[in-house]
Amino acid sequence: MHASHVDVGLDSRRTAHSPATQTLDFLWLELTNRCNLRCVHCYTESHPHSGDRDVLTTQAYERLMREAYDLGCRKLQFIGGEPQLNRDFHKLLVTANTIGFEFIEVFSNLTQLDDETVCYAAQNGICFATSVYSDEPAAHDAHHQGEIEPRSDDQKSQEADRQGHRDTGGHDRDRPGSGECEAH
């Protein structure tokens, strides 16, 4: 369902002593319709030039998460497009964790995954889900019609600033602590 980026799972329960009640079981938040891939099977028709349906603000997503939690929801999945293309993705991930969701999952193509996100997810039990179509690169890549939009220089620069160093094109593997999660 693509209802302005929010989908909820309602669970109707009736007991012998109470009327039927509805509890919010699961919350799916579509953080963007944009995607850096163009997958042939994409049900949302996401691609590098989509995103015209991105209408919710970061504050609206935060409000929805708090409201869902107040209604008893403890499971959340960020979806898209590619959810990591939302400029406030990391902030929303931290907010979901801070609110107290017991299960947080990001459905992602993983091409935008950075060390900061991997470390935060590992330290906080946040899951990532993805699709793998083959262990053969050519067969897997055939699902993406060969179109991949790389991370922009601006995204790389912002990430480097957050991590306290400049992007070196992936050649900083010898930097102490590179690839390891630091305890916070």
C-alpha atoms as a PDB file:
ATOM      1  CA  MET A   1       0.000   0.000   0.000  1.00  0.00           C
ATOM      2  CA  HIS A   2       1.246   3.436  -0.806  1.00  0.00           C
ATOM      3  CA  ALA A   3      -0.891   5.676   1.396  1.00  0.00           C
ATOM      4  CA  SER A   4       1.200   8.806   1.610  1.00  0.00           C
ATOM      5  CA  HIS A   5       4.166   6.830   2.902  1.00  0.00           C
ATOM      6  CA  VAL A   6       2.471   5.188   5.897  1.00  0.00           C
ATOM      7  CA  ASP A   7       1.121   1.679   6.191  1.00  0.00           C
ATOM      8  CA  VAL A   8      -0.066   0.077   9.394  1.00  0.00           C
ATOM      9  CA  GLY A   9      -0.877  -3.450  10.456  1.00  0.00           C
ATOM     10  CA  LEU A  10      -3.973  -3.627  12.639  1.00  0.00           C
ATOM     11  CA  ASP A  11      -4.718  -6.652  14.779  1.00  0.00           C
ATOM     12  CA  SER A  12      -8.368  -7.106  15.836  1.00  0.00           C
ATOM     13  CA  ARG A  13      -8.745  -9.087  19.048  1.00  0.00           C
ATOM     14  CA  ARG A  14     -11.911 -10.153  20.834  1.00  0.00           C
ATOM     15  CA  THR A  15     -12.027 -11.907  24.151  1.00  0.00           C
ATOM     16  CA  ALA A  16     -15.023 -13.388  25.964  1.00  0.00           C
ATOM     17  CA  HIS A  17     -14.973 -10.509  28.442  1.00  0.00           C
ATOM     18  CA  SER A  18     -14.263  -7.529  26.202  1.00  0.00           C
ATOM     19  CA  PRO A  19     -15.528  -6.040  22.971  1.00  0.00           C
ATOM     20  CA  ALA A  20     -13.380  -6.189  19.868  1.00  0.00           C
ATOM     21  CA  THR A  21     -10.387  -3.873  20.057  1.00  0.00           C
ATOM     22  CA  GLN A  22      -7.835  -2.903  17.488  1.00  0.00           C
ATOM     23  CA  THR A  23      -4.179  -2.650  18.335  1.00  0.00           C
ATOM     24  CA  LEU A  24      -1.467  -1.366  16.101  1.00  0.00           C
ATOM     25  CA  ASP A  25       0.838  -4.299  15.444  1.00  0.00           C
ATOM     26  CA  PHE A  26       3.335  -3.061  12.835  1.00  0.00           C
ATOM     27  CA  LEU A  27       4.204   0.280  11.267  1.00  0.00           C
ATOM     28  CA  TRP A  28       5.751   0.634   7.813  1.00  0.00           C
ATOM     29  CA  LEU A  29       7.086   4.084   6.986  1.00  0.00           C
ATOM     30  CA  GLU A  30       8.063   4.838   3.403  1.00  0.00           C
ATOM     31  CA  LEU A  31      10.786   7.435   3.839  1.00  0.00           C
ATOM     32  CA  THR A  32      11.083   8.227   0.157  1.00  0.00           C
ATOM     33  CA  ASN A  33       9.899   7.026  -3.211  1.00  0.00           C
ATOM     34  CA  ARG A  34      13.353   7.709  -4.662  1.00  0.00           C
ATOM     35  CA  CYS A  35      15.794   4.887  -5.281  1.00  0.00           C
ATOM     36  CA  ASN A  36      19.281   4.815  -6.716  1.00  0.00           C
ATOM     37  CA  LEU A  37      18.434   1.597  -8.594  1.00  0.00           C
ATOM     38  CA  ARG A  38      15.861   0.814 -11.241  1.00  0.00           C
ATOM     39  CA  CYS A  39      14.759  -2.721 -10.402  1.00  0.00           C
ATOM     40  CA  VAL A  40      12.519  -4.490 -12.897  1.00  0.00           C
ATOM     41  CA  HIS A  41      10.309  -5.896 -10.138  1.00  0.00           C
ATOM     42  CA  CYS A  42       9.821  -2.685  -8.121  1.00  0.00           C
ATOM     43  CA  TYR A  43       6.203  -2.402  -7.014  1.00  0.00           C
ATOM     44  CA  THR A  44       6.557   1.318  -6.192  1.00  0.00           C
ATOM     45  CA  GLU A  45       8.122   2.262  -9.515  1.00  0.00           C
ATOM     46  CA  SER A  46      11.001   3.858  -7.630  1.00  0.00           C
ATOM     47  CA  HIS A  47      14.075   4.998  -9.516  1.00  0.00           C
ATOM     48  CA  PRO A  48      16.716   7.752  -9.399  1.00  0.00           C
ATOM     49  CA  HIS A  49      14.329  10.352 -10.842  1.00  0.00           C
ATOM     50  CA  SER A  50      11.241   9.542  -8.775  1.00  0.00           C
ATOM     51  CA  GLY A  51      10.434  11.117  -5.442  1.00  0.00           C
ATOM     52  CA  ASP A  52       7.540  13.339  -6.436  1.00  0.00           C
ATOM     53  CA  ARG A  53       5.397  11.524  -3.843  1.00  0.00           C
ATOM     54  CA  ASP A  54       7.735  12.401  -0.965  1.00  0.00           C
ATOM     55  CA  VAL A  55       5.436  14.612   1.060  1.00  0.00           C
ATOM     56  CA  LEU A  56       6.016  13.909   4.770  1.00  0.00           C
ATOM     57  CA  THR A  57       8.502  15.916   6.797  1.00  0.00           C
ATOM     58  CA  THR A  58      10.937  14.519   9.324  1.00  0.00           C
ATOM     59  CA  GLN A  59       8.761  15.968  12.076  1.00  0.00           C
ATOM     60  CA  ALA A  60       5.704  14.193  10.642  1.00  0.00           C
ATOM     61  CA  TYR A  61       7.548  10.855  10.612  1.00  0.00           C
ATOM     62  CA  GLU A  62       8.661  11.416  14.213  1.00  0.00           C
ATOM     63  CA  ARG A  63       5.094  12.264  15.255  1.00  0.00           C
ATOM     64  CA  LEU A  64       3.750   9.147  13.517  1.00  0.00           C
ATOM     65  CA  MET A  65       6.303   6.956  15.268  1.00  0.00           C
ATOM     66  CA  ARG A  66       5.384   8.388  18.676  1.00  0.00           C
ATOM     67  CA  GLU A  67       1.650   8.029  17.992  1.00  0.00           C
ATOM     68  CA  ALA A  68       2.096   4.431  16.831  1.00  0.00           C
ATOM     69  CA  TYR A  69       4.156   3.628  19.910  1.00  0.00           C
ATOM     70  CA  ASP A  70       1.487   5.188  22.138  1.00  0.00           C
ATOM     71  CA  LEU A  71      -1.053   2.889  20.443  1.00  0.00           C
ATOM     72  CA  GLY A  72       0.996  -0.157  21.426  1.00  0.00           C
ATOM     73  CA  CYS A  73       3.035  -0.639  18.271  1.00  0.00           C
ATOM     74  CA  ARG A  74       6.482  -2.067  18.953  1.00  0.00           C
ATOM     75  CA  LYS A  75       7.552  -3.133  15.435  1.00  0.00           C
ATOM     76  CA  LEU A  76       8.651  -0.717  12.721  1.00  0.00           C
ATOM     77  CA  GLN A  77      10.072  -1.054   9.227  1.00  0.00           C
ATOM     78  CA  PHE A  78      11.523   1.766   7.139  1.00  0.00           C
ATOM     79  CA  ILE A  79      10.843   1.184   3.448  1.00  0.00           C
ATOM     80  CA  GLY A  80      11.088   3.088   0.187  1.00  0.00           C
ATOM     81  CA  GLY A  81      12.321   3.500  -2.601  1.00  0.00           C
ATOM     82  CA  GLU A  82      15.651   3.346  -0.837  1.00  0.00           C
ATOM     83  CA  PRO A  83      15.008   4.640   2.712  1.00  0.00           C
ATOM     84  CA  GLN A  84      18.632   5.690   3.169  1.00  0.00           C
ATOM     85  CA  LEU A  85      18.148   8.354   0.489  1.00  0.00           C
ATOM     86  CA  ASN A  86      15.985  10.314   2.927  1.00  0.00           C
ATOM     87  CA  ARG A  87      18.302  13.104   4.082  1.00  0.00           C
ATOM     88  CA  ASP A  88      17.252  12.531   7.718  1.00  0.00           C
ATOM     89  CA  PHE A  89      17.447   8.729   7.595  1.00  0.00           C
ATOM     90  CA  HIS A  90      19.963   8.396  10.427  1.00  0.00           C
ATOM     91  CA  LYS A  91      18.050  10.846  12.610  1.00  0.00           C
ATOM     92  CA  LEU A  92      14.826   8.870  12.052  1.00  0.00           C
ATOM     93  CA  LEU A  93      16.613   5.610  12.844  1.00  0.00           C
ATOM     94  CA  VAL A  94      17.891   7.056  16.122  1.00  0.00           C
ATOM     95  CA  THR A  95      14.453   8.477  16.930  1.00  0.00           C
ATOM     96  CA  ALA A  96      12.780   5.087  16.404  1.00  0.00           C
ATOM     97  CA  ASN A  97      15.317   3.463  18.707  1.00  0.00           C
ATOM     98  CA  THR A  98      15.006   6.212  21.329  1.00  0.00           C
ATOM     99  CA  ILE A  99      11.216   5.944  21.334  1.00  0.00           C
ATOM    100  CA  GLY A 100      11.640   2.300  22.266  1.00  0.00           C
ATOM    101  CA  PHE A 101      10.532   0.184  19.312  1.00  0.00           C
ATOM    102  CA  GLU A 102      11.496  -3.422  20.084  1.00  0.00           C
ATOM    103  CA  PHE A 103      11.942  -4.391  16.433  1.00  0.00           C
ATOM    104  CA  ILE A 104      13.343  -1.967  13.880  1.00  0.00           C
ATOM    105  CA  GLU A 105      14.115  -3.075  10.349  1.00  0.00           C
ATOM    106  CA  VAL A 106      15.255  -1.215   7.259  1.00  0.00           C
ATOM    107  CA  PHE A 107      14.332  -2.728   3.896  1.00  0.00           C
ATOM    108  CA  SER A 108      17.186  -1.548   1.711  1.00  0.00           C
ATOM    109  CA  ASN A 109      19.238  -2.360  -1.365  1.00  0.00           C
ATOM    110  CA  LEU A 110      22.283  -1.745   0.902  1.00  0.00           C
ATOM    111  CA  THR A 111      24.146   0.313  -1.690  1.00  0.00           C
ATOM    112  CA  GLN A 112      24.036   3.423   0.530  1.00  0.00           C
ATOM    113  CA  LEU A 113      25.055   1.682   3.754  1.00  0.00           C
ATOM    114  CA  ASP A 114      27.849   3.492   5.576  1.00  0.00           C
ATOM    115  CA  ASP A 115      30.012   2.562   8.566  1.00  0.00           C
ATOM    116  CA  GLU A 116      28.142   4.873  10.940  1.00  0.00           C
ATOM    117  CA  THR A 117      24.812   3.215  10.148  1.00  0.00           C
ATOM    118  CA  VAL A 118      26.264  -0.304  10.340  1.00  0.00           C
ATOM    119  CA  CYS A 119      27.792   0.413  13.746  1.00  0.00           C
ATOM    120  CA  TYR A 120      24.662   2.065  15.117  1.00  0.00           C
ATOM    121  CA  ALA A 121      22.505  -0.810  13.882  1.00  0.00           C
ATOM    122  CA  ALA A 122      24.848  -3.439  15.317  1.00  0.00           C
ATOM    123  CA  GLN A 123      25.021  -1.714  18.688  1.00  0.00           C
ATOM    124  CA  ASN A 124      21.238  -1.346  18.912  1.00  0.00           C
ATOM    125  CA  GLY A 125      19.885  -4.581  17.415  1.00  0.00           C
ATOM    126  CA  ILE A 126      18.512  -2.900  14.285  1.00  0.00           C
ATOM    127  CA  CYS A 127      18.006  -5.232  11.329  1.00  0.00           C
ATOM    128  CA  PHE A 128      18.474  -4.687   7.615  1.00  0.00           C
ATOM    129  CA  ALA A 129      16.587  -6.715   5.026  1.00  0.00           C
ATOM    130  CA  THR A 130      17.444  -6.894   1.346  1.00  0.00           C
ATOM    131  CA  SER A 131      16.772  -8.923  -1.778  1.00  0.00           C
ATOM    132  CA  VAL A 132      19.397 -11.144  -3.375  1.00  0.00           C
ATOM    133  CA  TYR A 133      18.496 -12.629  -6.735  1.00  0.00           C
ATOM    134  CA  SER A 134      21.520 -14.773  -7.474  1.00  0.00           C
ATOM    135  CA  ASP A 135      25.015 -15.538  -6.274  1.00  0.00           C
ATOM    136  CA  GLU A 136      26.104 -14.773  -9.831  1.00  0.00           C
ATOM    137  CA  PRO A 137      26.730 -11.006 -10.203  1.00  0.00           C
ATOM    138  CA  ALA A 138      25.439 -10.798 -13.780  1.00  0.00           C
ATOM    139  CA  ALA A 139      22.177 -12.575 -12.901  1.00  0.00           C
ATOM    140  CA  HIS A 140      21.686 -10.451  -9.784  1.00  0.00           C
ATOM    141  CA  ASP A 141      22.475  -7.199 -11.602  1.00  0.00           C
ATOM    142  CA  ALA A 142      20.019  -8.050 -14.391  1.00  0.00           C
ATOM    143  CA  HIS A 143      17.224  -7.192 -11.938  1.00  0.00           C
ATOM    144  CA  HIS A 144      18.504  -3.604 -11.785  1.00  0.00           C
ATOM    145  CA  GLN A 145      18.486  -2.832 -15.507  1.00  0.00           C
ATOM    146  CA  GLY A 146      22.095  -1.765 -15.124  1.00  0.00           C
ATOM    147  CA  GLU A 147      21.179   1.648 -13.679  1.00  0.00           C
ATOM    148  CA  ILE A 148      22.825   2.503 -10.396  1.00  0.00           C
ATOM    149  CA  GLU A 149      23.098   6.058  -9.178  1.00  0.00           C
ATOM    150  CA  PRO A 150      26.201   6.261  -6.983  1.00  0.00           C
ATOM    151  CA  ARG A 151      26.373   8.252  -3.788  1.00  0.00           C
ATOM    152  CA  SER A 152      26.787  11.893  -4.637  1.00  0.00           C
ATOM    153  CA  ASP A 153      29.928  13.802  -3.724  1.00  0.00           C
ATOM    154  CA  ASP A 154      27.759  15.854  -1.370  1.00  0.00           C
ATOM    155  CA  GLN A 155      26.582  12.679   0.432  1.00  0.00           C
ATOM    156  CA  LYS A 156      30.168  11.427   0.686  1.00  0.00           C
ATOM    157  CA  SER A 157      31.348  14.783   2.027  1.00  0.00           C
ATOM    158  CA  GLN A 158      28.565  14.919   4.632  1.00  0.00           C
ATOM    159  CA  GLU A 159      29.413  11.392   5.777  1.00  0.00           C
ATOM    160  CA  ALA A 160      33.115  12.258   5.980  1.00  0.00           C
ATOM    161  CA  ASP A 161      32.317  15.340   8.068  1.00  0.00           C
ATOM    162  CA  ARG A 162      30.179  13.249  10.447  1.00  0.00           C
ATOM    163  CA  GLN A 163      32.993  10.722  10.828  1.00  0.00           C
ATOM    164  CA  GLY A 164      35.619  13.425  11.292  1.00  0.00           C
ATOM    165  CA  HIS A 165      37.579  12.771   8.114  1.00  0.00           C
ATOM    166  CA  ARG A 166      37.428  13.514   4.426  1.00  0.00           C
ATOM    167  CA  ASP A 167      36.398  10.827   1.956  1.00  0.00           C
ATOM    168  CA  THR A 168      39.445   9.272   0.323  1.00  0.00           C
ATOM    169  CA  GLY A 169      37.590   7.236  -2.241  1.00  0.00           C
ATOM    170  CA  GLY A 170      37.506   4.151  -0.034  1.00  0.00           C
ATOM    171  CA  HIS A 171      41.285   4.060   0.452  1.00  0.00           C
ATOM    172  CA  ASP A 172      41.314   4.787   4.171  1.00  0.00           C
ATOM    173  CA  ARG A 173      41.173   1.126   5.244  1.00  0.00           C
ATOM    174  CA  ASP A 174      44.513   1.512   7.052  1.00  0.00           C
ATOM    175  CA  ARG A 175      43.132   4.283   9.255  1.00  0.00           C
ATOM    176  CA  PRO A 176      43.023   3.069  12.905  1.00  0.00           C
ATOM    177  CA  GLY A 177      39.526   1.907  13.778  1.00  0.00           C
ATOM    178  CA  SER A 178      38.377   1.880  10.145  1.00  0.00           C
ATOM    179  CA  GLY A 179      35.654  -0.692   9.684  1.00  0.00           C
ATOM    180  CA  GLU A 180      35.231  -1.196  13.418  1.00  0.00           C
ATOM    181  CA  CYS A 181      32.412   0.041  15.610  1.00  0.00           C
ATOM    182  CA  GLU A 182      33.461   2.313  18.416  1.00  0.00           C
ATOM    183  CA  ALA A 183      31.544   2.012  21.692  1.00  0.00           C
ATOM    184  CA  HIS A 184      29.493   5.066  22.505  1.00  0.00           C
END
